[in-house]
């Protein structure tokens, strides 16, 4: 309004000056009347031209003003329709324009904000005062950068929540480098930040569950290929996980379980039925077998099954423990049976044997039958002796004995039987061996059991060698070239009543294991079918 009054006063003053000066100029110079008239017309024309120029200028300015006002209205409509924070500031940091979102955000809707700095507006908004004052600091950083900058700003809300804004600041400079205007745009990204935070937390939980799970966790796609697996894959299989990614793992599963696993996988994919706690066997890289308890469930994304996710638990030791427990239970039963029966058997056996020997000596008839009966009674006596070893252990008296001497005695006992089977029995003695703490009769029985098994295994040669493994132990190796033992039967050696012989009781190796246990030693069997068997016996030198 003041500008309009100023222009109007200028126009009035110019008009009066023009009339007075031009009229007085004509009067005082004594210009003739006809020239005076011409001059008056020229003066009037000049005045009209000047006035027209002036009014044209006003019209142009008005149109420019209207256009500017319309553009400003459009700008206001545009920025007020935006869901973003929009703010314009001059070179001194004073607000020149802001949309309704910005005013509501800082709760200054009823404040005449134009021409005020952030710190001045902070006086009108106690809650957001600190946030407004901080804006001046971040604005200064944007001016110093001299280019478009972006930052994340957090503004607390009255309800205790925090809104996060992705703020863009655009500094505009004059041609001489002075500050002209600062444009501030802020987009509320609170929901996106919250979603990203939840996603990150979810990914972290997934990573913790997947990567740091103490068991094997795996993912398989619809084609049956392994898509992801944690690092326990190496511990379980001996292979690096890269060796099987995007490949089928069926080759790791023993042949007997492959069909069952394939059918379970199809059922999980097509019927969305989980496969829970199923036991399978896999073959490791070193060809050893490992027992796993597997669970698999469908992996569903957007209501569509995209694969299978599951985990596997190594139960190899658990199964071995169960087998050992069953073996121990059998031994316990056998021990109780032996304790109650073995001693009672020997008394009638002694009587029967005595009467048979008396009958045999008093008559020459039926000698063959007497011989068979005496042999069977002796066999019963041997079995009862083995049962006594399995019974509750009695006090064993250890003595220092020469292992070479014990093996030589055993050779003398078994040499005739070896010759009967056509087997060469070779004992390789070692004179450098120290005396060993042992119960000699039990060790003799142990050696007899092992060598007899080798002789009866259709061997051609049985070799026994003795070495000192360290300062505290000796090792005795029993090698034969007989029929050997397959791996499945090898697992059951030492179990009571488990025998591969037609007339065997299954107690010989059970007794042998118990004798080794009494002596705190170790016994191991290595065998291949048709290639022979090696028994490795380790005994401590001192009790």
Protein backbone atom coordinates (compact mmCIF):
# COMPACT_ATOMS: atom_id res chain seq x y z
CA UNK A 1 0.00 0.00 0.00
CA UNK A 2 2.81 2.42 0.87
CA UNK A 3 4.45 1.74 -2.47
CA UNK A 4 1.24 2.60 -4.32
CA UNK A 5 0.89 5.95 -2.41
CA UNK A 6 4.50 6.76 -3.20
CA UNK A 7 3.97 6.28 -6.91
CA UNK A 8 0.76 8.37 -6.81
CA UNK A 9 2.52 11.29 -5.04
CA UNK A 10 5.33 11.19 -7.58
CA UNK A 11 2.84 11.40 -10.41
CA UNK A 12 1.01 14.43 -8.87
CA UNK A 13 4.25 16.29 -8.14
CA UNK A 14 5.55 15.64 -11.65
CA UNK A 15 2.26 16.91 -13.14
CA UNK A 16 2.29 20.18 -11.15
CA UNK A 17 5.94 20.81 -11.89
CA UNK A 18 5.39 20.20 -15.58
CA UNK A 19 2.43 22.61 -15.82
CA UNK A 20 4.00 25.40 -13.76
CA UNK A 21 7.44 25.27 -15.39
CA UNK A 22 6.20 25.05 -18.96
CA UNK A 23 3.57 27.82 -18.51
CA UNK A 24 6.00 30.22 -16.88
CA UNK A 25 8.64 29.47 -19.51
CA UNK A 26 6.25 30.49 -22.29
CA UNK A 27 5.02 33.68 -20.50
CA UNK A 28 8.43 35.11 -19.55
CA UNK A 29 10.10 34.62 -22.86
CA UNK A 30 7.56 36.80 -24.80
CA UNK A 31 6.78 34.12 -27.29
CA UNK A 32 4.29 35.25 -30.02
CA UNK A 33 0.72 34.07 -29.66
CA UNK A 34 0.70 31.69 -32.63
CA UNK A 35 3.96 30.08 -31.46
CA UNK A 36 2.57 30.03 -27.96
CA UNK A 37 -0.38 28.02 -29.21
CA UNK A 38 1.85 25.58 -31.03
CA UNK A 39 4.03 25.21 -27.96
CA UNK A 40 0.98 24.57 -25.79
CA UNK A 41 -0.11 21.78 -28.16
CA UNK A 42 3.36 20.28 -28.20
CA UNK A 43 3.48 20.49 -24.39
CA UNK A 44 0.11 18.78 -24.13
CA UNK A 45 1.22 16.03 -26.52
CA UNK A 46 4.43 15.50 -24.54
CA UNK A 47 2.41 15.35 -21.33
CA UNK A 48 0.04 12.80 -22.86
CA UNK A 49 2.98 10.69 -24.08
CA UNK A 50 4.71 10.83 -20.71
CA UNK A 51 1.47 10.06 -18.93
CA UNK A 52 0.78 7.17 -21.31
CA UNK A 53 4.26 5.78 -20.70
CA UNK A 54 3.72 6.11 -16.99
CA UNK A 55 0.34 4.36 -17.11
CA UNK A 56 1.74 1.64 -19.39
CA UNK A 57 4.49 1.09 -16.88
CA UNK A 58 1.88 0.82 -14.11
CA UNK A 59 -0.19 -1.62 -16.18
CA UNK A 60 2.86 -3.77 -16.91
CA UNK A 61 3.84 -3.71 -13.26
CA UNK A 62 0.31 -4.65 -12.30
CA UNK A 63 0.26 -7.58 -14.71
CA UNK A 64 3.63 -8.68 -13.41
CA UNK A 65 2.32 -8.35 -9.89
CA UNK A 66 -0.79 -10.35 -10.74
CA UNK A 67 1.28 -13.00 -12.42
CA UNK A 68 3.59 -13.11 -9.44
CA UNK A 69 0.61 -13.35 -7.12
CA UNK A 70 -0.86 -16.20 -9.17
CA UNK A 71 2.45 -18.04 -9.16
CA UNK A 72 2.69 -17.48 -5.45
CA UNK A 73 -0.81 -18.88 -5.01
CA UNK A 74 0.11 -21.87 -7.11
CA UNK A 75 3.23 -22.33 -5.01
CA UNK A 76 1.16 -22.10 -1.83
CA UNK A 77 -1.34 -24.63 -3.17
CA UNK A 78 1.52 -26.92 -4.23
CA UNK A 79 3.46 -26.82 -0.98
CA UNK A 80 0.33 -27.06 1.16
CA UNK A 81 -0.82 -30.12 -0.74
CA UNK A 82 2.47 -31.84 -0.06
CA UNK A 83 2.77 -34.31 2.81
CA UNK A 84 6.35 -33.17 3.28
CA UNK A 85 7.82 -30.42 5.43
CA UNK A 86 8.47 -27.36 3.16
CA UNK A 87 10.14 -24.19 4.32
CA UNK A 88 11.77 -21.19 2.57
CA UNK A 89 14.24 -18.92 4.35
CA UNK A 90 16.15 -15.88 3.20
CA UNK A 91 19.91 -15.46 3.38
CA UNK A 92 19.69 -14.38 7.03
CA UNK A 93 17.70 -17.45 8.04
CA UNK A 94 14.34 -15.68 8.30
CA UNK A 95 11.23 -17.60 7.31
CA UNK A 96 9.66 -16.34 4.11
CA UNK A 97 7.25 -19.18 3.36
CA UNK A 98 6.17 -22.47 4.92
CA UNK A 99 3.43 -24.96 4.25
CA UNK A 100 0.72 -25.95 6.69
CA UNK A 101 2.47 -29.24 7.51
CA UNK A 102 5.51 -27.31 8.81
CA UNK A 103 3.39 -24.93 10.85
CA UNK A 104 1.36 -27.75 12.41
CA UNK A 105 4.52 -29.77 13.07
CA UNK A 106 6.00 -27.03 15.25
CA UNK A 107 2.55 -25.89 16.45
CA UNK A 108 2.95 -22.28 15.22
CA UNK A 109 -0.16 -22.12 13.00
CA UNK A 110 -1.34 -18.87 14.62
CA UNK A 111 2.05 -17.17 14.60
CA UNK A 112 3.09 -14.55 12.01
CA UNK A 113 6.18 -16.49 11.10
CA UNK A 114 7.39 -14.44 8.10
CA UNK A 115 10.55 -12.50 8.82
CA UNK A 116 11.38 -14.46 11.96
CA UNK A 117 14.31 -16.76 12.57
CA UNK A 118 14.00 -20.26 14.04
CA UNK A 119 15.31 -19.07 17.40
CA UNK A 120 12.65 -16.34 17.44
CA UNK A 121 9.88 -18.81 16.58
CA UNK A 122 11.16 -21.06 19.38
CA UNK A 123 9.71 -18.53 21.86
CA UNK A 124 6.22 -19.36 20.54
CA UNK A 125 6.62 -23.14 20.89
CA UNK A 126 8.00 -24.29 24.23
CA UNK A 127 7.82 -27.99 23.45
CA UNK A 128 9.55 -27.65 20.08
CA UNK A 129 11.86 -24.82 21.10
CA UNK A 130 15.00 -26.97 21.16
CA UNK A 131 14.13 -28.52 17.80
CA UNK A 132 13.70 -25.07 16.20
CA UNK A 133 16.93 -23.78 17.66
CA UNK A 134 18.77 -26.83 16.37
CA UNK A 135 17.45 -26.02 12.87
CA UNK A 136 19.62 -22.88 12.83
CA UNK A 137 22.69 -25.06 13.52
CA UNK A 138 21.89 -27.56 10.75
CA UNK A 139 21.04 -24.66 8.38
CA UNK A 140 24.46 -23.17 8.95
CA UNK A 141 26.06 -26.52 8.15
CA UNK A 142 24.10 -26.60 4.87
CA UNK A 143 25.27 -23.05 3.97
CA UNK A 144 28.89 -24.00 4.69
CA UNK A 145 28.64 -27.06 2.43
CA UNK A 146 27.42 -24.79 -0.36
CA UNK A 147 25.51 -27.57 -2.14
CA UNK A 148 22.44 -29.73 -1.79
CA UNK A 149 22.78 -31.74 1.41
CA UNK A 150 20.74 -34.47 3.04
CA UNK A 151 20.46 -35.50 6.65
CA UNK A 152 18.24 -37.44 9.06
CA UNK A 153 16.56 -35.37 11.76
CA UNK A 154 14.43 -36.65 14.64
CA UNK A 155 11.66 -34.53 16.19
CA UNK A 156 9.94 -35.67 19.40
CA UNK A 157 6.14 -35.68 19.53
CA UNK A 158 3.95 -34.79 22.50
CA UNK A 159 2.66 -38.36 22.72
CA UNK A 160 6.15 -39.60 23.47
CA UNK A 161 6.91 -40.92 19.99
CA UNK A 162 9.59 -39.60 17.67
CA UNK A 163 9.14 -38.61 14.03
CA UNK A 164 12.10 -39.11 11.74
CA UNK A 165 12.57 -36.80 8.75
CA UNK A 166 14.79 -37.24 5.74
CA UNK A 167 15.68 -33.55 5.27
CA UNK A 168 17.05 -32.00 2.09
CA UNK A 169 18.50 -28.47 2.24
CA UNK A 170 19.18 -26.48 -0.92
CA UNK A 171 21.26 -23.27 -0.44
CA UNK A 172 20.86 -20.63 -3.21
CA UNK A 173 23.46 -17.86 -3.65
CA UNK A 174 23.47 -14.49 -5.44
CA UNK A 175 25.83 -13.89 -8.35
CA UNK A 176 28.27 -12.17 -6.03
CA UNK A 177 28.32 -15.24 -3.77
CA UNK A 178 26.18 -13.84 -0.97
CA UNK A 179 23.43 -15.92 0.55
CA UNK A 180 20.06 -15.53 -1.14
CA UNK A 181 17.66 -18.27 -0.07
CA UNK A 182 17.53 -21.64 1.64
CA UNK A 183 14.95 -24.24 0.65
CA UNK A 184 14.24 -26.93 3.23
CA UNK A 185 12.32 -30.12 2.34
CA UNK A 186 11.65 -32.77 4.94
CA UNK A 187 9.89 -36.11 4.34
CA UNK A 188 8.45 -38.07 7.23
CA UNK A 189 10.19 -41.48 7.03
CA UNK A 190 9.22 -42.67 10.50
CA UNK A 191 7.20 -45.61 9.18
CA UNK A 192 9.94 -46.61 6.76
CA UNK A 193 12.62 -46.34 9.45
CA UNK A 194 10.45 -48.39 11.82
CA UNK A 195 9.85 -51.00 9.09
CA UNK A 196 13.57 -51.11 8.29
CA UNK A 197 14.36 -51.46 11.98
CA UNK A 198 11.86 -54.32 12.33
CA UNK A 199 13.26 -55.90 9.19
CA UNK A 200 16.80 -55.57 10.53
CA UNK A 201 15.72 -57.09 13.85
CA UNK A 202 13.95 -59.88 12.00
CA UNK A 203 17.02 -60.51 9.87
CA UNK A 204 19.18 -60.52 12.99
CA UNK A 205 16.88 -63.05 14.64
CA UNK A 206 16.93 -65.12 11.48
CA UNK A 207 20.72 -64.92 11.35
CA UNK A 208 20.98 -65.89 15.01
CA UNK A 209 18.58 -68.79 14.49
CA UNK A 210 20.20 -69.91 11.25
CA UNK A 211 23.90 -69.16 11.53
CA UNK A 212 24.41 -69.64 15.27
CA UNK A 213 22.09 -72.61 15.74
CA UNK A 214 24.00 -75.43 17.47
CA UNK A 215 22.47 -77.89 14.99
CA UNK A 216 22.51 -78.19 11.20
CA UNK A 217 19.91 -75.87 9.58
CA UNK A 218 19.17 -76.16 5.86
CA UNK A 219 16.93 -74.82 3.07
CA UNK A 220 15.89 -76.72 -0.05
CA UNK A 221 14.09 -75.25 -3.08
CA UNK A 222 11.23 -76.72 -5.14
CA UNK A 223 13.72 -78.51 -7.40
CA UNK A 224 15.22 -80.35 -4.42
CA UNK A 225 18.47 -78.38 -4.46
CA UNK A 226 20.18 -77.06 -1.35
CA UNK A 227 19.87 -73.25 -1.32
CA UNK A 228 21.29 -72.42 2.09
CA UNK A 229 22.86 -74.21 5.02
CA UNK A 230 24.78 -73.09 8.08
CA UNK A 231 28.44 -73.81 8.77
CA UNK A 232 27.67 -77.02 10.70
CA UNK A 233 27.36 -78.70 7.30
CA UNK A 234 31.13 -79.28 7.35
CA UNK A 235 31.05 -80.78 10.85
CA UNK A 236 28.24 -83.14 9.89
CA UNK A 237 29.40 -84.22 6.43
CA UNK A 238 33.06 -83.27 6.04
CA UNK A 239 32.16 -81.31 2.89
CA UNK A 240 32.21 -77.52 2.47
CA UNK A 241 28.72 -76.14 1.99
CA UNK A 242 29.82 -74.60 -1.32
CA UNK A 243 30.27 -78.15 -2.64
CA UNK A 244 26.51 -78.79 -2.42
CA UNK A 245 24.84 -75.37 -2.83
CA UNK A 246 22.33 -75.47 -5.70
CA UNK A 247 22.77 -79.26 -5.79
CA UNK A 248 20.83 -82.25 -4.46
CA UNK A 249 21.98 -83.77 -1.17
CA UNK A 250 20.50 -87.21 -1.84
CA UNK A 251 23.97 -88.54 -2.62
CA UNK A 252 24.90 -87.95 1.04
CA UNK A 253 22.06 -90.16 2.28
CA UNK A 254 22.52 -93.92 2.52
CA UNK A 255 20.76 -95.77 -0.28
CA UNK A 256 18.21 -97.44 2.01
CA UNK A 257 16.89 -94.07 3.20
CA UNK A 258 16.83 -92.14 -0.09
CA UNK A 259 13.36 -93.20 -1.22
CA UNK A 260 11.85 -92.42 2.18
CA UNK A 261 13.47 -88.97 2.21
CA UNK A 262 12.25 -88.20 -1.35
CA UNK A 263 8.68 -89.20 -0.50
CA UNK A 264 8.75 -87.09 2.66
CA UNK A 265 10.06 -84.09 0.70
CA UNK A 266 7.24 -84.37 -1.86
CA UNK A 267 4.66 -84.59 0.92
CA UNK A 268 6.05 -81.47 2.62
CA UNK A 269 5.99 -79.51 -0.67
CA UNK A 270 2.62 -80.64 -2.02
CA UNK A 271 0.61 -81.23 1.15
CA UNK A 272 2.38 -78.78 3.51
CA UNK A 273 2.75 -81.59 6.04
CA UNK A 274 5.84 -81.33 8.24
CA UNK A 275 8.34 -84.17 8.51
CA UNK A 276 9.22 -84.39 12.18
CA UNK A 277 11.98 -86.24 14.05
CA UNK A 278 12.72 -88.82 11.36
CA UNK A 279 15.98 -90.75 11.62
CA UNK A 280 18.25 -91.14 8.60
CA UNK A 281 21.84 -92.11 7.99
CA UNK A 282 24.31 -90.13 5.90
CA UNK A 283 27.72 -90.99 4.51
CA UNK A 284 30.45 -88.51 5.40
CA UNK A 285 33.33 -87.56 3.13
CA UNK A 286 35.57 -90.02 5.00
CA UNK A 287 32.96 -92.77 4.23
CA UNK A 288 31.95 -93.06 7.89
CA UNK A 289 28.23 -93.12 8.64
CA UNK A 290 26.44 -90.63 10.87
CA UNK A 291 22.89 -90.90 12.22
CA UNK A 292 20.71 -87.78 12.08
CA UNK A 293 17.28 -86.92 13.42
CA UNK A 294 15.71 -84.59 10.84
CA UNK A 295 12.77 -82.21 10.83
CA UNK A 296 11.50 -80.38 7.73
CA UNK A 297 8.61 -77.93 7.35
CA UNK A 298 7.28 -76.03 4.30
CA UNK A 299 8.71 -72.56 3.70
CA UNK A 300 5.71 -70.36 2.77
CA UNK A 301 6.03 -66.81 1.43
CA UNK A 302 2.95 -64.81 0.37
CA UNK A 303 0.78 -67.90 0.83
CA UNK A 304 2.93 -69.84 -1.63
CA UNK A 305 5.24 -72.75 -0.81
CA UNK A 306 8.70 -71.89 -2.12
CA UNK A 307 10.73 -74.66 -0.54
CA UNK A 308 11.57 -76.56 2.62
CA UNK A 309 13.40 -75.43 5.75
CA UNK A 310 14.52 -77.75 8.48
CA UNK A 311 17.21 -78.83 10.90
CA UNK A 312 19.11 -81.99 11.71
CA UNK A 313 20.44 -83.26 15.05
CA UNK A 314 23.41 -85.61 15.25
CA UNK A 315 22.24 -88.66 17.22
CA UNK A 316 25.19 -90.90 16.41
CA UNK A 317 26.57 -90.78 19.94
CA UNK A 318 23.07 -91.12 21.34
CA UNK A 319 22.52 -94.33 19.37
CA UNK A 320 25.94 -95.62 20.33
CA UNK A 321 25.09 -94.89 23.96
CA UNK A 322 21.80 -96.74 23.62
CA UNK A 323 23.59 -99.72 22.08
CA UNK A 324 26.15 -99.62 24.88
CA UNK A 325 23.32 -99.43 27.40
CA UNK A 326 21.61 -102.45 25.85
CA UNK A 327 24.92 -104.31 25.88
CA UNK A 328 25.43 -103.33 29.53
CA UNK A 329 21.92 -104.51 30.39
CA UNK A 330 22.63 -107.83 28.70
CA UNK A 331 25.88 -108.13 30.63
CA UNK A 332 24.05 -107.33 33.84
CA UNK A 333 21.46 -110.00 33.14
CA UNK A 334 24.17 -112.48 32.23
CA UNK A 335 26.12 -111.56 35.34
CA UNK A 336 23.10 -112.10 37.60
CA UNK A 337 22.36 -115.37 35.84
CA UNK A 338 25.97 -116.46 36.17
CA UNK A 339 26.13 -115.55 39.85
CA UNK A 340 23.06 -117.66 40.66
CA UNK A 341 23.68 -120.60 38.32
CA UNK A 342 27.37 -121.13 37.60
CA UNK A 343 28.37 -122.45 41.01
CA UNK A 344 25.32 -124.71 41.18
CA UNK A 345 26.14 -126.25 37.80
CA UNK A 346 29.61 -127.36 38.80
CA UNK A 347 28.52 -129.53 41.72
CA UNK A 348 26.25 -131.87 39.72
CA UNK A 349 28.74 -131.79 36.84
CA UNK A 350 31.44 -133.10 39.14
CA UNK A 351 29.20 -135.95 40.25
CA UNK A 352 28.13 -136.79 36.70
CA UNK A 353 31.71 -136.71 35.47
CA UNK A 354 32.86 -138.97 38.33
CA UNK A 355 30.15 -141.60 37.72
CA UNK A 356 30.78 -141.55 33.94
CA UNK A 357 34.49 -142.10 34.49
CA UNK A 358 33.70 -144.98 36.87
CA UNK A 359 31.31 -146.57 34.34
CA UNK A 360 33.85 -146.05 31.56
CA UNK A 361 36.59 -147.85 33.52
CA UNK A 362 34.33 -150.75 34.64
CA UNK A 363 33.07 -151.68 31.19
CA UNK A 364 34.53 -151.88 27.75
CA UNK A 365 31.18 -151.48 26.07
CA UNK A 366 29.79 -148.16 24.84
CA UNK A 367 33.16 -146.43 25.19
CA UNK A 368 32.30 -144.08 22.32
CA UNK A 369 29.17 -142.91 24.12
CA UNK A 370 31.06 -142.41 27.38
CA UNK A 371 33.63 -140.32 25.53
CA UNK A 372 30.99 -138.12 23.90
CA UNK A 373 29.21 -137.61 27.24
CA UNK A 374 32.45 -136.68 28.99
CA UNK A 375 33.31 -134.19 26.22
CA UNK A 376 29.89 -132.55 26.52
CA UNK A 377 30.19 -132.38 30.30
CA UNK A 378 33.59 -130.74 29.86
CA UNK A 379 31.99 -128.29 27.43
CA UNK A 380 29.32 -127.46 30.03
CA UNK A 381 32.09 -126.96 32.58
CA UNK A 382 33.89 -124.51 30.23
CA UNK A 383 30.67 -122.53 29.70
CA UNK A 384 30.10 -122.35 33.46
CA UNK A 385 33.68 -121.10 33.89
CA UNK A 386 32.99 -118.35 31.35
CA UNK A 387 29.81 -117.45 33.21
CA UNK A 388 31.79 -117.05 36.42
CA UNK A 389 33.99 -114.46 34.72
CA UNK A 390 30.87 -112.50 33.73
CA UNK A 391 29.48 -112.61 37.24
CA UNK A 392 30.15 -109.90 39.83
CA UNK A 393 33.94 -109.45 39.72
CA UNK A 394 35.86 -110.93 42.59
CA UNK A 395 39.08 -109.64 44.04
CA UNK A 396 41.77 -110.12 41.36
CA UNK A 397 45.37 -110.61 42.46
CA UNK A 398 47.70 -108.90 40.01
CA UNK A 399 51.27 -110.09 39.63
CA UNK A 400 54.24 -109.10 37.49
CA UNK A 401 54.34 -111.55 34.61
CA UNK A 402 56.20 -111.93 31.34
CA UNK A 403 53.77 -111.61 28.42
CA UNK A 404 56.15 -113.58 26.17
CA UNK A 405 55.94 -116.51 28.59
CA UNK A 406 52.12 -116.37 28.78
CA UNK A 407 51.82 -116.38 24.97
CA UNK A 408 54.27 -119.29 24.71
CA UNK A 409 52.12 -121.29 27.14
CA UNK A 410 49.02 -120.47 25.07
CA UNK A 411 50.82 -121.57 21.92
CA UNK A 412 51.62 -124.91 23.52
CA UNK A 413 47.93 -125.36 24.38
CA UNK A 414 46.58 -124.38 20.96
CA UNK A 415 49.29 -125.69 18.65
CA UNK A 416 47.67 -129.11 18.25
CA UNK A 417 44.30 -127.49 17.44
CA UNK A 418 46.01 -125.19 14.92
CA UNK A 419 47.60 -128.22 13.25
CA UNK A 420 44.20 -129.90 13.17
CA UNK A 421 42.79 -126.95 11.19
CA UNK A 422 45.94 -126.65 9.08
CA UNK A 423 46.80 -123.20 10.47
CA UNK A 424 50.32 -121.89 11.05
CA UNK A 425 50.50 -120.26 14.50
CA UNK A 426 53.42 -117.81 14.85
CA UNK A 427 54.27 -115.97 18.07
CA UNK A 428 56.79 -113.14 17.63
CA UNK A 429 58.27 -112.58 21.09
CA UNK A 430 59.91 -109.36 22.22
CA UNK A 431 62.71 -109.68 24.79
CA UNK A 432 62.80 -105.95 25.47
CA UNK A 433 59.34 -105.93 27.04
CA UNK A 434 59.04 -105.17 30.77
CA UNK A 435 57.01 -107.33 33.15
CA UNK A 436 53.32 -106.46 33.18
CA UNK A 437 50.90 -106.29 36.10
CA UNK A 438 48.15 -108.83 35.30
CA UNK A 439 46.13 -111.83 36.37
CA UNK A 440 47.88 -114.51 34.33
CA UNK A 441 45.02 -117.03 34.12
CA UNK A 442 42.61 -114.39 32.83
CA UNK A 443 45.09 -113.13 30.22
CA UNK A 444 45.68 -116.72 29.09
CA UNK A 445 41.93 -117.16 28.68
CA UNK A 446 41.78 -113.86 26.74
CA UNK A 447 44.61 -114.93 24.40
CA UNK A 448 43.02 -118.36 23.89
CA UNK A 449 39.65 -116.84 22.98
CA UNK A 450 41.17 -114.49 20.41
CA UNK A 451 43.54 -117.06 18.83
CA UNK A 452 40.84 -119.77 18.71
CA UNK A 453 38.54 -117.38 16.83
CA UNK A 454 41.34 -116.75 14.31
CA UNK A 455 42.05 -120.46 13.91
CA UNK A 456 38.36 -121.23 13.33
CA UNK A 457 38.03 -118.39 10.75
CA UNK A 458 39.48 -120.61 7.97
CA UNK A 459 42.82 -118.87 8.29
CA UNK A 460 46.06 -120.18 6.89
CA UNK A 461 48.27 -118.23 9.27
CA UNK A 462 47.79 -116.54 12.63
CA UNK A 463 50.54 -114.16 13.74
CA UNK A 464 50.92 -112.60 17.20
CA UNK A 465 53.36 -109.73 17.76
CA UNK A 466 54.15 -107.60 20.81
CA UNK A 467 55.37 -103.99 20.91
CA UNK A 468 55.76 -101.28 23.49
CA UNK A 469 53.66 -98.26 22.50
CA UNK A 470 54.98 -95.87 25.18
CA UNK A 471 56.41 -95.93 28.70
CA UNK A 472 53.11 -97.07 30.17
CA UNK A 473 51.52 -99.50 27.69
CA UNK A 474 52.22 -102.50 25.50
CA UNK A 475 50.35 -103.48 22.34
CA UNK A 476 49.65 -107.06 21.23
CA UNK A 477 48.51 -107.59 17.64
CA UNK A 478 46.68 -110.72 16.55
CA UNK A 479 46.55 -110.98 12.74
CA UNK A 480 44.93 -113.66 10.60
CA UNK A 481 44.15 -114.03 6.91
CA UNK A 482 40.80 -115.72 7.41
CA UNK A 483 37.28 -115.03 6.15
CA UNK A 484 37.00 -111.70 7.99
CA UNK A 485 33.93 -110.02 9.49
CA UNK A 486 31.58 -107.65 7.72
CA UNK A 487 31.05 -104.17 9.17
CA UNK A 488 27.51 -104.83 10.36
CA UNK A 489 28.55 -107.84 12.46
CA UNK A 490 31.66 -106.03 13.66
CA UNK A 491 29.41 -103.60 15.55
CA UNK A 492 27.94 -106.42 17.67
CA UNK A 493 31.17 -108.13 18.75
CA UNK A 494 31.26 -108.62 22.50
CA UNK A 495 27.49 -108.71 22.95
CA UNK A 496 26.32 -111.67 25.06
CA UNK A 497 24.88 -114.60 23.07
CA UNK A 498 25.88 -113.00 19.74
CA UNK A 499 27.96 -115.53 17.78
CA UNK A 500 28.72 -116.26 14.13
CA UNK A 501 29.66 -119.86 14.91
CA UNK A 502 27.21 -122.70 14.45
CA UNK A 503 27.80 -124.05 17.98
CA UNK A 504 28.97 -120.81 19.59
CA UNK A 505 27.44 -119.43 22.78
CA UNK A 506 28.37 -115.81 22.13
CA UNK A 507 30.09 -115.60 25.51
CA UNK A 508 33.74 -115.99 24.45
CA UNK A 509 34.24 -112.38 23.31
CA UNK A 510 31.96 -111.10 26.06
CA UNK A 511 34.31 -112.72 28.56
CA UNK A 512 37.27 -111.30 26.64
CA UNK A 513 35.88 -107.76 26.82
CA UNK A 514 35.31 -108.17 30.55
CA UNK A 515 38.89 -109.37 31.11
CA UNK A 516 40.23 -106.37 29.15
CA UNK A 517 38.02 -104.12 31.27
CA UNK A 518 39.39 -105.67 34.49
CA UNK A 519 42.91 -104.90 33.30
CA UNK A 520 42.05 -101.29 32.29
CA UNK A 521 43.06 -102.03 28.71
CA UNK A 522 41.58 -101.49 25.25
CA UNK A 523 40.64 -103.94 22.50
CA UNK A 524 39.89 -103.02 18.89
CA UNK A 525 38.86 -105.12 15.90
CA UNK A 526 39.65 -104.26 12.29
CA UNK A 527 38.41 -106.61 9.62
CA UNK A 528 37.50 -106.92 5.95
CA UNK A 529 35.59 -109.78 4.42
CA UNK A 530 37.93 -112.35 2.78
CA UNK A 531 40.98 -110.29 3.80
CA UNK A 532 41.36 -111.24 7.45
CA UNK A 533 41.07 -109.68 10.87
CA UNK A 534 43.43 -107.72 13.13
CA UNK A 535 42.83 -107.52 16.87
CA UNK A 536 44.71 -104.72 18.64
CA UNK A 537 45.05 -105.26 22.39
CA UNK A 538 46.56 -102.48 24.53
CA UNK A 539 47.41 -103.24 28.17
CA UNK A 540 48.91 -100.97 30.84
CA UNK A 541 52.29 -102.06 32.15
CA UNK A 542 51.55 -101.07 35.73
CA UNK A 543 48.33 -101.66 37.62
